[in-house]
N, C-alpha and C. Protein backbone atom coordinates (compact mmCIF):
# COMPACT_ATOMS: atom_id res chain seq x y z
N MET A 1 25.25 -57.82 -27.72
CA MET A 1 26.46 -57.37 -27.08
C MET A 1 27.56 -57.34 -28.13
N THR A 2 28.36 -56.31 -28.05
CA THR A 2 29.51 -56.18 -28.94
C THR A 2 30.76 -56.08 -28.08
N VAL A 3 31.75 -56.86 -28.44
CA VAL A 3 33.03 -56.80 -27.74
C VAL A 3 34.04 -56.22 -28.73
N ARG A 4 34.75 -55.21 -28.29
CA ARG A 4 35.75 -54.59 -29.15
C ARG A 4 37.14 -54.99 -28.70
N PHE A 5 37.94 -55.41 -29.67
CA PHE A 5 39.31 -55.81 -29.40
C PHE A 5 40.26 -54.86 -30.12
N THR A 6 41.46 -54.74 -29.57
CA THR A 6 42.51 -54.01 -30.29
C THR A 6 42.90 -54.86 -31.49
N ASP A 7 43.63 -54.27 -32.41
CA ASP A 7 44.11 -55.02 -33.58
C ASP A 7 44.95 -56.22 -33.14
N GLU A 8 45.78 -56.01 -32.13
CA GLU A 8 46.65 -57.09 -31.64
C GLU A 8 45.82 -58.21 -31.01
N GLU A 9 44.82 -57.84 -30.23
CA GLU A 9 43.95 -58.86 -29.61
C GLU A 9 43.17 -59.63 -30.66
N SER A 10 42.67 -58.93 -31.66
CA SER A 10 41.93 -59.59 -32.75
C SER A 10 42.81 -60.59 -33.49
N GLU A 11 44.04 -60.18 -33.75
CA GLU A 11 44.96 -61.08 -34.46
C GLU A 11 45.29 -62.30 -33.60
N ALA A 12 45.54 -62.08 -32.31
CA ALA A 12 45.82 -63.21 -31.42
C ALA A 12 44.62 -64.15 -31.34
N LEU A 13 43.43 -63.58 -31.29
CA LEU A 13 42.20 -64.39 -31.27
C LEU A 13 42.06 -65.17 -32.56
N ARG A 14 42.32 -64.54 -33.69
CA ARG A 14 42.23 -65.22 -34.99
C ARG A 14 43.20 -66.40 -35.06
N ILE A 15 44.42 -66.17 -34.62
CA ILE A 15 45.44 -67.22 -34.65
C ILE A 15 45.05 -68.38 -33.72
N ALA A 16 44.61 -68.06 -32.51
CA ALA A 16 44.23 -69.09 -31.55
C ALA A 16 43.03 -69.89 -32.05
N ALA A 17 42.04 -69.20 -32.58
CA ALA A 17 40.85 -69.89 -33.09
C ALA A 17 41.20 -70.79 -34.27
N GLU A 18 42.05 -70.29 -35.15
CA GLU A 18 42.47 -71.08 -36.30
C GLU A 18 43.22 -72.34 -35.85
N ALA A 19 44.08 -72.18 -34.84
CA ALA A 19 44.83 -73.33 -34.33
C ALA A 19 43.92 -74.39 -33.73
N GLU A 20 42.81 -73.96 -33.16
CA GLU A 20 41.83 -74.88 -32.57
C GLU A 20 40.82 -75.39 -33.58
N GLY A 21 40.80 -74.79 -34.76
CA GLY A 21 39.87 -75.20 -35.79
C GLY A 21 38.43 -74.77 -35.51
N VAL A 22 38.29 -73.62 -34.83
CA VAL A 22 36.95 -73.11 -34.52
C VAL A 22 36.87 -71.65 -34.96
N SER A 23 35.66 -71.13 -34.96
CA SER A 23 35.50 -69.72 -35.32
C SER A 23 36.02 -68.83 -34.18
N MET A 24 36.29 -67.60 -34.52
CA MET A 24 36.72 -66.64 -33.50
C MET A 24 35.62 -66.48 -32.46
N ASN A 25 34.39 -66.46 -32.89
CA ASN A 25 33.26 -66.32 -31.98
C ASN A 25 33.20 -67.49 -30.99
N ASP A 26 33.32 -68.71 -31.51
CA ASP A 26 33.29 -69.89 -30.63
C ASP A 26 34.47 -69.89 -29.67
N TYR A 27 35.63 -69.51 -30.16
CA TYR A 27 36.81 -69.47 -29.30
C TYR A 27 36.62 -68.46 -28.17
N ALA A 28 36.13 -67.28 -28.50
CA ALA A 28 35.91 -66.24 -27.49
C ALA A 28 34.84 -66.67 -26.48
N ARG A 29 33.76 -67.28 -26.95
CA ARG A 29 32.71 -67.74 -26.05
C ARG A 29 33.25 -68.79 -25.09
N THR A 30 34.05 -69.71 -25.59
CA THR A 30 34.65 -70.74 -24.74
C THR A 30 35.57 -70.10 -23.70
N ALA A 31 36.36 -69.13 -24.12
CA ALA A 31 37.27 -68.46 -23.19
C ALA A 31 36.50 -67.75 -22.08
N VAL A 32 35.40 -67.12 -22.42
CA VAL A 32 34.59 -66.43 -21.42
C VAL A 32 33.99 -67.45 -20.44
N ARG A 33 33.44 -68.54 -20.95
CA ARG A 33 32.87 -69.59 -20.07
C ARG A 33 33.93 -70.16 -19.14
N GLU A 34 35.13 -70.41 -19.66
CA GLU A 34 36.20 -70.95 -18.83
C GLU A 34 36.62 -69.97 -17.74
N GLN A 35 36.69 -68.69 -18.07
CA GLN A 35 37.06 -67.68 -17.08
C GLN A 35 36.00 -67.59 -15.98
N ILE A 36 34.74 -67.63 -16.36
CA ILE A 36 33.65 -67.60 -15.37
C ILE A 36 33.75 -68.81 -14.46
N ALA A 37 34.00 -69.98 -15.02
CA ALA A 37 34.12 -71.21 -14.22
C ALA A 37 35.31 -71.12 -13.27
N ARG A 38 36.44 -70.58 -13.75
CA ARG A 38 37.63 -70.43 -12.90
C ARG A 38 37.35 -69.52 -11.72
N ARG A 39 36.69 -68.41 -11.98
CA ARG A 39 36.38 -67.47 -10.88
C ARG A 39 35.43 -68.10 -9.88
N ALA A 40 34.45 -68.84 -10.37
CA ALA A 40 33.51 -69.50 -9.46
C ALA A 40 34.25 -70.53 -8.61
N HIS A 41 35.17 -71.28 -9.22
CA HIS A 41 35.94 -72.28 -8.49
C HIS A 41 36.81 -71.60 -7.42
N THR A 42 37.47 -70.52 -7.79
CA THR A 42 38.31 -69.79 -6.84
C THR A 42 37.49 -69.31 -5.66
N ALA A 43 36.29 -68.82 -5.91
CA ALA A 43 35.42 -68.36 -4.83
C ALA A 43 35.00 -69.52 -3.93
N ARG A 44 34.70 -70.68 -4.52
CA ARG A 44 34.33 -71.85 -3.71
C ARG A 44 35.49 -72.32 -2.86
N VAL A 45 36.70 -72.31 -3.40
CA VAL A 45 37.88 -72.73 -2.64
C VAL A 45 38.13 -71.76 -1.48
N ALA A 46 38.03 -70.47 -1.75
CA ALA A 46 38.24 -69.47 -0.69
C ALA A 46 37.21 -69.62 0.41
N ASP A 47 35.96 -69.85 0.03
CA ASP A 47 34.90 -70.05 1.01
C ASP A 47 35.15 -71.30 1.85
N SER A 48 35.55 -72.37 1.21
CA SER A 48 35.84 -73.61 1.91
C SER A 48 37.01 -73.44 2.88
N ALA A 49 38.05 -72.74 2.43
CA ALA A 49 39.21 -72.50 3.29
C ALA A 49 38.82 -71.65 4.50
N ALA A 50 38.00 -70.66 4.29
CA ALA A 50 37.56 -69.80 5.40
C ALA A 50 36.73 -70.61 6.41
N ARG A 51 35.83 -71.45 5.89
CA ARG A 51 35.03 -72.28 6.79
C ARG A 51 35.90 -73.26 7.55
N GLY A 52 36.90 -73.84 6.89
CA GLY A 52 37.81 -74.77 7.55
C GLY A 52 38.64 -74.08 8.61
N ALA A 53 39.12 -72.89 8.30
CA ALA A 53 39.91 -72.13 9.28
C ALA A 53 39.07 -71.80 10.51
N GLN A 54 37.82 -71.45 10.28
CA GLN A 54 36.94 -71.15 11.40
C GLN A 54 36.65 -72.41 12.21
N ARG A 55 36.35 -73.49 11.51
CA ARG A 55 35.99 -74.74 12.19
C ARG A 55 37.15 -75.29 13.01
N TYR A 56 38.36 -75.17 12.49
CA TYR A 56 39.52 -75.75 13.14
C TYR A 56 40.43 -74.69 13.76
N ALA A 57 39.87 -73.53 14.06
CA ALA A 57 40.66 -72.40 14.57
C ALA A 57 41.45 -72.79 15.82
N GLU A 58 40.83 -73.49 16.74
CA GLU A 58 41.52 -73.84 17.98
C GLU A 58 42.72 -74.75 17.69
N ALA A 59 42.53 -75.77 16.87
CA ALA A 59 43.62 -76.68 16.54
C ALA A 59 44.71 -75.94 15.77
N LEU A 60 44.33 -75.09 14.85
CA LEU A 60 45.31 -74.32 14.08
C LEU A 60 46.09 -73.38 15.00
N HIS A 61 45.41 -72.79 15.96
CA HIS A 61 46.08 -71.91 16.91
C HIS A 61 47.11 -72.70 17.73
N ARG A 62 46.72 -73.88 18.17
CA ARG A 62 47.64 -74.72 18.95
C ARG A 62 48.85 -75.13 18.15
N LEU A 63 48.63 -75.33 16.85
CA LEU A 63 49.75 -75.70 15.98
C LEU A 63 50.60 -74.49 15.59
N GLY A 64 50.12 -73.32 15.94
CA GLY A 64 50.88 -72.10 15.63
C GLY A 64 50.71 -71.63 14.21
N THR A 65 49.65 -72.07 13.54
CA THR A 65 49.44 -71.64 12.16
C THR A 65 48.46 -70.52 12.03
N LEU A 66 47.85 -70.12 13.13
CA LEU A 66 46.92 -68.99 13.10
C LEU A 66 47.40 -67.88 13.98
């Protein structure tokens, strides 16, 4: 796989990687893993909220929040 960056993105990546003391490749791989984890977490939270809203729909309705 090849990822292409603009000149500005490449420079920002170089600066960030240098500040962390890692290679640009390692920095980019870490950023991708973190983004994937964030999206998975967001999906789990949304799923949990939907299940909670369904489970407690009657109580939420009585409280006027639904």
